[in-house]
C-alpha atoms as a PDB file:
ATOM      1  CA  MET A   1      74.306 -25.477 -34.236  1.00  0.00           C
ATOM      2  CA  ASN A   2      72.590 -26.646 -31.100  1.00  0.00           C
ATOM      3  CA  LYS A   3      72.615 -23.051 -29.679  1.00  0.00           C
ATOM      4  CA  ALA A   4      71.054 -21.857 -32.911  1.00  0.00           C
ATOM      5  CA  LEU A   5      68.318 -24.483 -32.702  1.00  0.00           C
ATOM      6  CA  VAL A   6      67.497 -23.675 -29.085  1.00  0.00           C
ATOM      7  CA  SER A   7      67.265 -20.032 -29.907  1.00  0.00           C
ATOM      8  CA  ILE A   8      64.852 -20.710 -32.838  1.00  0.00           C
ATOM      9  CA  ILE A   9      62.649 -22.944 -30.574  1.00  0.00           C
ATOM     10  CA  VAL A  10      62.521 -20.228 -27.899  1.00  0.00           C
ATOM     11  CA  ILE A  11      61.522 -17.660 -30.393  1.00  0.00           C
ATOM     12  CA  ILE A  12      58.671 -19.863 -31.671  1.00  0.00           C
ATOM     13  CA  VAL A  13      57.447 -20.382 -28.065  1.00  0.00           C
ATOM     14  CA  ILE A  14      57.344 -16.652 -27.466  1.00  0.00           C
ATOM     15  CA  ASN A  15      55.648 -15.899 -30.689  1.00  0.00           C
ATOM     16  CA  PHE A  16      53.003 -18.646 -30.908  1.00  0.00           C
ATOM     17  CA  ILE A  17      52.440 -19.909 -27.430  1.00  0.00           C
ATOM     18  CA  LEU A  18      52.756 -16.992 -24.974  1.00  0.00           C
ATOM     19  CA  PRO A  19      50.473 -14.440 -26.759  1.00  0.00           C
ATOM     20  CA  PRO A  20      47.523 -16.755 -26.847  1.00  0.00           C
ATOM     21  CA  THR A  21      48.043 -17.626 -23.195  1.00  0.00           C
ATOM     22  CA  PHE A  22      47.900 -13.969 -22.318  1.00  0.00           C
ATOM     23  CA  ALA A  23      44.842 -13.317 -24.412  1.00  0.00           C
ATOM     24  CA  LEU A  24      43.205 -16.434 -22.689  1.00  0.00           C
ATOM     25  CA  ASP A  25      43.989 -15.068 -19.274  1.00  0.00           C
ATOM     26  CA  SER A  26      42.763 -11.465 -20.095  1.00  0.00           C
ATOM     27  CA  THR A  27      39.524 -12.237 -22.001  1.00  0.00           C
ATOM     28  CA  PRO A  28      37.807 -14.454 -19.254  1.00  0.00           C
ATOM     29  CA  SER A  29      38.796 -11.801 -16.718  1.00  0.00           C
ATOM     30  CA  ALA A  30      36.974  -9.025 -18.633  1.00  0.00           C
ATOM     31  CA  THR A  31      33.954 -11.310 -19.209  1.00  0.00           C
ATOM     32  CA  VAL A  32      33.661 -12.127 -15.536  1.00  0.00           C
ATOM     33  CA  LYS A  33      33.859  -8.536 -14.531  1.00  0.00           C
ATOM     34  CA  GLU A  34      31.053  -7.654 -16.934  1.00  0.00           C
ATOM     35  CA  LYS A  35      29.013 -10.370 -15.472  1.00  0.00           C
ATOM     36  CA  LEU A  36      29.584  -9.264 -11.923  1.00  0.00           C
ATOM     37  CA  ASP A  37      28.628  -5.648 -12.887  1.00  0.00           C
ATOM     38  CA  ALA A  38      25.377  -6.875 -14.666  1.00  0.00           C
ATOM     39  CA  LEU A  39      24.564  -9.038 -11.498  1.00  0.00           C
ATOM     40  CA  LYS A  40      25.147  -6.201  -9.068  1.00  0.00           C
ATOM     41  CA  ALA A  41      22.836  -3.946 -11.148  1.00  0.00           C
ATOM     42  CA  GLU A  42      20.169  -6.546 -11.253  1.00  0.00           C
ATOM     43  CA  ILE A  43      20.418  -7.176  -7.504  1.00  0.00           C
ATOM     44  CA  ALA A  44      20.269  -3.389  -6.752  1.00  0.00           C
ATOM     45  CA  SER A  45      17.226  -3.151  -9.040  1.00  0.00           C
ATOM     46  CA  LYS A  46      15.357  -5.953  -7.319  1.00  0.00           C
ATOM     47  CA  ALA A  47      16.140  -4.584  -3.831  1.00  0.00           C
ATOM     48  CA  ALA A  48      14.799  -1.234  -4.816  1.00  0.00           C
ATOM     49  CA  LYS A  49      11.512  -2.830  -6.117  1.00  0.00           C
ATOM     50  CA  LEU A  50      11.267  -4.879  -2.906  1.00  0.00           C
ATOM     51  CA  LYS A  51      11.717  -1.872  -0.711  1.00  0.00           C
ATOM     52  CA  SER A  52       9.117   0.113  -2.563  1.00  0.00           C
ATOM     53  CA  GLU A  53       6.766  -2.774  -2.439  1.00  0.00           C
ATOM     54  CA  ILE A  54       7.206  -3.146   1.340  1.00  0.00           C
ATOM     55  CA  ASN A  55       6.708   0.674   1.805  1.00  0.00           C
ATOM     56  CA  ARG A  56       3.535   0.521  -0.219  1.00  0.00           C
ATOM     57  CA  LYS A  57       2.119  -2.347   1.866  1.00  0.00           C
ATOM     58  CA  LEU A  58       2.847  -0.547   5.087  1.00  0.00           C
ATOM     59  CA  THR A  59       1.241   2.839   4.362  1.00  0.00           C
ATOM     60  CA  ASN A  60      -2.453   3.885   4.449  1.00  0.00           C
ATOM     61  CA  LYS A  61      -3.705   1.120   6.670  1.00  0.00           C
ATOM     62  CA  ALA A  62      -6.588   0.760   9.131  1.00  0.00           C
ATOM     63  CA  TYR A  63      -7.010  -1.143  12.328  1.00  0.00           C
ATOM     64  CA  ILE A  64     -10.553  -1.669  13.407  1.00  0.00           C
ATOM     65  CA  GLY A  65     -11.668  -3.098  16.696  1.00  0.00           C
ATOM     66  CA  ILE A  66     -12.397  -2.507  20.418  1.00  0.00           C
ATOM     67  CA  ILE A  67     -10.288  -0.703  22.819  1.00  0.00           C
ATOM     68  CA  LYS A  68      -8.945  -3.008  25.489  1.00  0.00           C
ATOM     69  CA  SER A  69      -6.486  -0.636  27.223  1.00  0.00           C
ATOM     70  CA  LYS A  70      -5.020   2.685  26.461  1.00  0.00           C
ATOM     71  CA  SER A  71      -2.279   5.248  27.667  1.00  0.00           C
ATOM     72  CA  ASP A  72      -1.399   8.750  26.691  1.00  0.00           C
ATOM     73  CA  ALA A  73       0.752   7.495  23.722  1.00  0.00           C
ATOM     74  CA  SER A  74      -0.858   4.040  22.809  1.00  0.00           C
ATOM     75  CA  ILE A  75      -3.978   2.003  22.378  1.00  0.00           C
ATOM     76  CA  THR A  76      -4.295  -1.781  22.696  1.00  0.00           C
ATOM     77  CA  LEU A  77      -6.961  -2.876  20.251  1.00  0.00           C
ATOM     78  CA  GLY A  78      -8.873  -6.164  20.149  1.00  0.00           C
ATOM     79  CA  SER A  79      -9.701  -7.174  16.651  1.00  0.00           C
ATOM     80  CA  LYS A  80     -11.063 -10.209  14.866  1.00  0.00           C
ATOM     81  CA  VAL A  81      -7.556 -10.978  13.949  1.00  0.00           C
ATOM     82  CA  GLY A  82      -5.995 -10.546  17.243  1.00  0.00           C
ATOM     83  CA  THR A  83      -4.466  -7.870  19.327  1.00  0.00           C
ATOM     84  CA  LYS A  84      -3.231  -4.763  17.540  1.00  0.00           C
ATOM     85  CA  MET A  85      -1.119  -2.026  18.849  1.00  0.00           C
ATOM     86  CA  VAL A  86      -1.856   1.750  17.895  1.00  0.00           C
ATOM     87  CA  SER A  87       0.540   4.650  18.679  1.00  0.00           C
ATOM     88  CA  VAL A  88      -0.999   8.145  19.026  1.00  0.00           C
ATOM     89  CA  ASN A  89       0.618  11.556  19.356  1.00  0.00           C
ATOM     90  CA  GLN A  90      -0.293  15.249  19.442  1.00  0.00           C
ATOM     91  CA  ASP A  91      -0.885  15.298  15.723  1.00  0.00           C
ATOM     92  CA  THR A  92      -3.401  12.466  15.780  1.00  0.00           C
ATOM     93  CA  VAL A  93      -6.850  13.709  14.645  1.00  0.00           C
ATOM     94  CA  TYR A  94      -9.961  12.297  16.494  1.00  0.00           C
ATOM     95  CA  GLU A  95     -13.501  12.086  14.950  1.00  0.00           C
ATOM     96  CA  ASP A  96     -16.497  10.888  17.016  1.00  0.00           C
ATOM     97  CA  LYS A  97     -19.282   9.594  14.818  1.00  0.00           C
ATOM     98  CA  ASN A  98     -21.691   8.909  17.751  1.00  0.00           C
ATOM     99  CA  PRO A  99     -24.545  11.343  18.067  1.00  0.00           C
ATOM    100  CA  VAL A 100     -24.647  13.734  21.052  1.00  0.00           C
ATOM    101  CA  LYS A 101     -27.008  12.644  23.803  1.00  0.00           C
ATOM    102  CA  LYS A 102     -29.898  15.013  24.812  1.00  0.00           C
ATOM    103  CA  GLY A 103     -28.850  17.354  27.627  1.00  0.00           C
ATOM    104  CA  THR A 104     -25.135  16.906  27.028  1.00  0.00           C
ATOM    105  CA  LYS A 105     -22.696  19.025  25.248  1.00  0.00           C
ATOM    106  CA  LYS A 106     -20.395  17.985  22.493  1.00  0.00           C
ATOM    107  CA  VAL A 107     -16.936  17.271  23.959  1.00  0.00           C
ATOM    108  CA  ALA A 108     -13.802  17.355  21.798  1.00  0.00           C
ATOM    109  CA  SER A 109     -12.606  13.825  21.349  1.00  0.00           C
ATOM    110  CA  GLY A 110      -9.065  12.750  22.293  1.00  0.00           C
ATOM    111  CA  ILE A 111      -7.082   9.993  23.826  1.00  0.00           C
ATOM    112  CA  LEU A 112      -8.309  11.057  27.376  1.00  0.00           C
ATOM    113  CA  THR A 113     -12.069  11.097  26.469  1.00  0.00           C
ATOM    114  CA  ILE A 114     -12.152   7.702  24.518  1.00  0.00           C
ATOM    115  CA  LYS A 115     -13.341   5.061  26.863  1.00  0.00           C
ATOM    116  CA  GLU A 116     -12.348   1.348  27.066  1.00  0.00           C
ATOM    117  CA  GLU A 117     -14.569  -0.946  25.135  1.00  0.00           C
ATOM    118  CA  SER A 118     -15.192   1.734  22.535  1.00  0.00           C
ATOM    119  CA  SER A 119     -15.249   0.671  18.879  1.00  0.00           C
ATOM    120  CA  ILE A 120     -12.760   2.554  16.902  1.00  0.00           C
ATOM    121  CA  ALA A 121     -11.118   2.620  13.421  1.00  0.00           C
ATOM    122  CA  ALA A 122      -7.361   3.782  13.476  1.00  0.00           C
ATOM    123  CA  LEU A 123      -5.955   5.072  10.222  1.00  0.00           C
ATOM    124  CA  GLY A 124      -2.301   5.507   9.459  1.00  0.00           C
ATOM    125  CA  ASP A 125       0.954   3.758   8.663  1.00  0.00           C
ATOM    126  CA  VAL A 126       2.336   0.491  10.132  1.00  0.00           C
ATOM    127  CA  ASP A 127       5.978   0.067  10.970  1.00  0.00           C
ATOM    128  CA  ASP A 128       7.986  -3.132  10.670  1.00  0.00           C
ATOM    129  CA  THR A 129       6.884  -4.266  14.181  1.00  0.00           C
ATOM    130  CA  GLY A 130       3.183  -4.169  13.236  1.00  0.00           C
ATOM    131  CA  VAL A 131       2.450  -0.901  15.380  1.00  0.00           C
ATOM    132  CA  LEU A 132       0.005   1.489  13.426  1.00  0.00           C
ATOM    133  CA  HIS A 133       1.085   5.081  13.914  1.00  0.00           C
ATOM    134  CA  ALA A 134      -2.393   6.813  13.694  1.00  0.00           C
ATOM    135  CA  LYS A 135      -3.033   9.862  11.815  1.00  0.00           C
ATOM    136  CA  LYS A 136      -6.652   9.626  12.509  1.00  0.00           C
ATOM    137  CA  ILE A 137      -8.876   7.856  15.145  1.00  0.00           C
ATOM    138  CA  VAL A 138     -12.619   7.466  14.267  1.00  0.00           C
ATOM    139  CA  ILE A 139     -14.832   6.532  17.084  1.00  0.00           C
ATOM    140  CA  LEU A 140     -17.467   4.220  15.709  1.00  0.00           C
ATOM    141  CA  GLN A 141     -21.086   3.870  16.726  1.00  0.00           C
ATOM    142  CA  PRO A 142     -21.696   0.680  18.717  1.00  0.00           C
ATOM    143  CA  PRO A 143     -23.898  -1.911  16.821  1.00  0.00           C
ATOM    144  CA  ALA A 144     -27.400  -2.335  18.134  1.00  0.00           C
ATOM    145  CA  SER A 145     -28.035  -5.181  20.665  1.00  0.00           C
ATOM    146  CA  ASN A 146     -28.269  -8.338  18.564  1.00  0.00           C
ATOM    147  CA  LEU A 147     -27.653 -12.107  18.890  1.00  0.00           C
ATOM    148  CA  GLN A 148     -25.337 -11.834  15.873  1.00  0.00           C
ATOM    149  CA  PRO A 149     -21.721 -10.620  16.622  1.00  0.00           C
ATOM    150  CA  PRO A 150     -20.866  -7.212  15.167  1.00  0.00           C
ATOM    151  CA  VAL A 151     -18.829  -7.177  11.962  1.00  0.00           C
ATOM    152  CA  TYR A 152     -16.118  -4.695  11.218  1.00  0.00           C
ATOM    153  CA  PHE A 153     -14.179  -4.244   8.030  1.00  0.00           C
ATOM    154  CA  TRP A 154     -13.077  -1.590   5.541  1.00  0.00           C
ATOM    155  CA  GLY A 155     -12.476  -1.588   1.793  1.00  0.00           C
ATOM    156  CA  GLN A 156     -13.530  -0.071  -1.534  1.00  0.00           C
ATOM    157  CA  ILE A 157     -16.954   0.038  -3.109  1.00  0.00           C
ATOM    158  CA  ILE A 158     -16.686  -1.501  -6.452  1.00  0.00           C
ATOM    159  CA  SER A 159     -20.405  -1.624  -7.511  1.00  0.00           C
ATOM    160  CA  GLU A 160     -23.902  -0.700  -6.151  1.00  0.00           C
ATOM    161  CA  SER A 161     -27.425  -1.503  -7.051  1.00  0.00           C
ATOM    162  CA  ASP A 162     -30.783  -1.074  -5.353  1.00  0.00           C
ATOM    163  CA  GLU A 163     -29.118  -0.467  -1.774  1.00  0.00           C
ATOM    164  CA  ILE A 164     -26.817  -3.404  -2.266  1.00  0.00           C
ATOM    165  CA  VAL A 165     -23.180  -2.754  -2.728  1.00  0.00           C
ATOM    166  CA  SER A 166     -20.070  -4.938  -3.326  1.00  0.00           C
ATOM    167  CA  ILE A 167     -16.985  -3.978  -1.305  1.00  0.00           C
ATOM    168  CA  LYS A 168     -13.458  -5.168  -2.033  1.00  0.00           C
ATOM    169  CA  THR A 169     -11.677  -5.544   1.351  1.00  0.00           C
ATOM    170  CA  LYS A 170      -7.974  -5.094   1.936  1.00  0.00           C
ATOM    171  CA  ASP A 171      -7.547  -8.925   1.650  1.00  0.00           C
ATOM    172  CA  SER A 172      -9.101  -8.784  -1.821  1.00  0.00           C
ATOM    173  CA  ALA A 173     -12.266 -10.519  -0.637  1.00  0.00           C
ATOM    174  CA  ILE A 174     -15.695  -9.400  -2.023  1.00  0.00           C
ATOM    175  CA  LYS A 175     -18.324  -8.493   0.597  1.00  0.00           C
ATOM    176  CA  THR A 176     -22.017  -7.969  -0.205  1.00  0.00           C
ATOM    177  CA  VAL A 177     -23.613  -5.275   2.004  1.00  0.00           C
ATOM    178  CA  SER A 178     -27.166  -4.001   2.436  1.00  0.00           C
ATOM    179  CA  MET A 179     -27.167  -0.252   2.810  1.00  0.00           C
ATOM    180  CA  SER A 180     -31.039   0.075   3.465  1.00  0.00           C
ATOM    181  CA  GLU A 181     -30.438   1.684   6.923  1.00  0.00           C
ATOM    182  CA  ILE A 182     -27.520   4.027   5.803  1.00  0.00           C
ATOM    183  CA  LYS A 183     -28.514   7.639   5.127  1.00  0.00           C
ATOM    184  CA  LEU A 184     -25.078   8.890   4.360  1.00  0.00           C
ATOM    185  CA  LYS A 185     -24.230   9.571   0.715  1.00  0.00           C
ATOM    186  CA  PHE A 186     -21.662   7.245  -0.806  1.00  0.00           C
ATOM    187  CA  LYS A 187     -20.565   6.374  -4.367  1.00  0.00           C
ATOM    188  CA  THR A 188     -18.601   3.619  -6.316  1.00  0.00           C
ATOM    189  CA  ASP A 189     -14.927   3.809  -5.788  1.00  0.00           C
ATOM    190  CA  ASP A 190     -15.329   5.337  -2.218  1.00  0.00           C
ATOM    191  CA  PHE A 191     -13.129   3.742   0.451  1.00  0.00           C
ATOM    192  CA  VAL A 192     -15.347   3.049   3.481  1.00  0.00           C
ATOM    193  CA  ILE A 193     -15.551   1.499   6.982  1.00  0.00           C
ATOM    194  CA  ILE A 194     -18.557  -0.709   7.703  1.00  0.00           C
ATOM    195  CA  THR A 195     -20.109  -1.907  10.936  1.00  0.00           C
ATOM    196  CA  GLY A 196     -23.070  -4.054  11.097  1.00  0.00           C
ATOM    197  CA  THR A 197     -24.482  -7.694  11.561  1.00  0.00           C
ATOM    198  CA  LEU A 198     -24.619 -10.640   9.262  1.00  0.00           C
ATOM    199  CA  GLY A 199     -28.077 -11.337   7.821  1.00  0.00           C
ATOM    200  CA  LYS A 200     -29.646 -13.844   5.438  1.00  0.00           C
ATOM    201  CA  ASN A 201     -27.552 -15.234   2.580  1.00  0.00           C
ATOM    202  CA  ASP A 202     -24.403 -13.918   4.135  1.00  0.00           C
ATOM    203  CA  ILE A 203     -25.334 -10.302   3.228  1.00  0.00           C
ATOM    204  CA  LEU A 204     -24.100  -7.818   5.861  1.00  0.00           C
ATOM    205  CA  GLU A 205     -26.785  -5.378   7.131  1.00  0.00           C
ATOM    206  CA  ALA A 206     -24.785  -2.275   7.647  1.00  0.00           C
ATOM    207  CA  LYS A 207     -25.667  -0.261  10.624  1.00  0.00           C
ATOM    208  CA  PHE A 208     -22.906   2.396  10.237  1.00  0.00           C
ATOM    209  CA  LEU A 209     -20.810   3.720   7.329  1.00  0.00           C
ATOM    210  CA  TYR A 210     -17.894   6.047   7.336  1.00  0.00           C
ATOM    211  CA  VAL A 211     -16.424   7.261   4.107  1.00  0.00           C
ATOM    212  CA  ILE A 212     -12.569   7.586   4.352  1.00  0.00           C
ATOM    213  CA  PRO A 213     -11.331  10.845   2.881  1.00  0.00           C
ATOM    214  CA  LYS A 214      -9.023  10.395  -0.091  1.00  0.00           C
ATOM    215  CA  GLY A 215      -5.624  12.105   0.095  1.00  0.00           C
ATOM    216  CA  PRO A 216      -3.161  11.698   2.858  1.00  0.00           C
ATOM    217  CA  LEU A 217      -4.584   8.632   4.433  1.00  0.00           C
ATOM    218  CA  LEU A 218      -5.899   6.675   1.511  1.00  0.00           C
ATOM    219  CA  LYS A 219      -5.125   7.244  -2.166  1.00  0.00           C
ATOM    220  CA  SER A 220      -7.255   5.658  -4.983  1.00  0.00           C
ATOM    221  CA  LYS A 221      -5.339   4.042  -7.635  1.00  0.00           C
ATOM    222  CA  THR A 222      -5.137   5.809 -10.924  1.00  0.00           C
ATOM    223  CA  ALA A 223      -4.012   4.175 -14.262  1.00  0.00           C
ATOM    224  CA  THR A 224      -0.790   5.318 -15.766  1.00  0.00           C
ATOM    225  CA  PRO A 225      -1.562   6.894 -18.988  1.00  0.00           C
ATOM    226  CA  SER A 226       0.169   5.060 -21.785  1.00  0.00           C
ATOM    227  CA  ALA A 227       2.732   6.909 -23.794  1.00  0.00           C
ATOM    228  CA  THR A 228       1.344   8.372 -26.962  1.00  0.00           C
ATOM    229  CA  PRO A 229       3.574   9.141 -29.964  1.00  0.00           C
ATOM    230  CA  LYS A 230       4.113  12.795 -30.592  1.00  0.00           C
ATOM    231  CA  LEU A 231       3.206  14.055 -33.962  1.00  0.00           C
ATOM    232  CA  ALA A 232       5.997  15.936 -35.766  1.00  0.00           C
ATOM    233  CA  PRO A 233       5.006  19.624 -36.250  1.00  0.00           C
ATOM    234  CA  LYS A 234       3.750  20.519 -39.620  1.00  0.00           C
ATOM    235  CA  THR A 235       6.053  22.594 -41.634  1.00  0.00           C
ATOM    236  CA  THR A 236       4.792  25.080 -44.171  1.00  0.00           C
ATOM    237  CA  PRO A 237       6.827  24.798 -47.444  1.00  0.00           C
ATOM    238  CA  LYS A 238       8.488  28.082 -48.395  1.00  0.00           C
ATOM    239  CA  PRO A 239       7.348  29.468 -51.758  1.00  0.00           C
ATOM    240  CA  THR A 240      10.072  29.104 -54.388  1.00  0.00           C
ATOM    241  CA  THR A 241      10.802  31.990 -56.814  1.00  0.00           C
ATOM    242  CA  LYS A 242      11.836  31.552 -60.280  1.00  0.00           C
ATOM    243  CA  PRO A 243      15.115  33.175 -61.128  1.00  0.00           C
END
């Protein structure tokens, strides 16, 4: 009798207690795995977005300033925000915006012909150490002698009216610039490099303008077209014939 009772109790334990225990062990395990997979996917997505944002911020940049020293492969630039390093190589393109002096011949510009204390704009990509790898070096015209210190910056023209333009800089600041002495053609949305002196009412009197070519160096932002629903093709009903 006692043996029978013990057997019945064992059967009850196996049938009613152990299965739920196994179920409880397996269900949370599956849920945790799903949550870990979802977390991994979310982390990977955020990492990809962060990498893309960093790459975007480091490409198509410009350093503007005065050459303090140079070698065959690098330029040390003094700018209003401190010292900047520029790397050059055999593929770097040079463009001199200074007029040729009378009685002299135009000499091809290069790292060997650029003089220290020259004002330049270096265009290219910045690496994670802050060095700009120059695709193009533009030799700027020195500002005329003036008690006011020269101002250099670059940005995008967002509006223009009566020789006064508004330029959005790389820091998203808005600069008001007078173009009365500028003969070069420009238009709204152009990316430009400006040099000049600060005049009345904090309006910059531009002495030099360089329009940055769009393409490999700087790309203008274009709006992504919104998706438009596609219309289903019209179908021509087939004529029915009476039997």
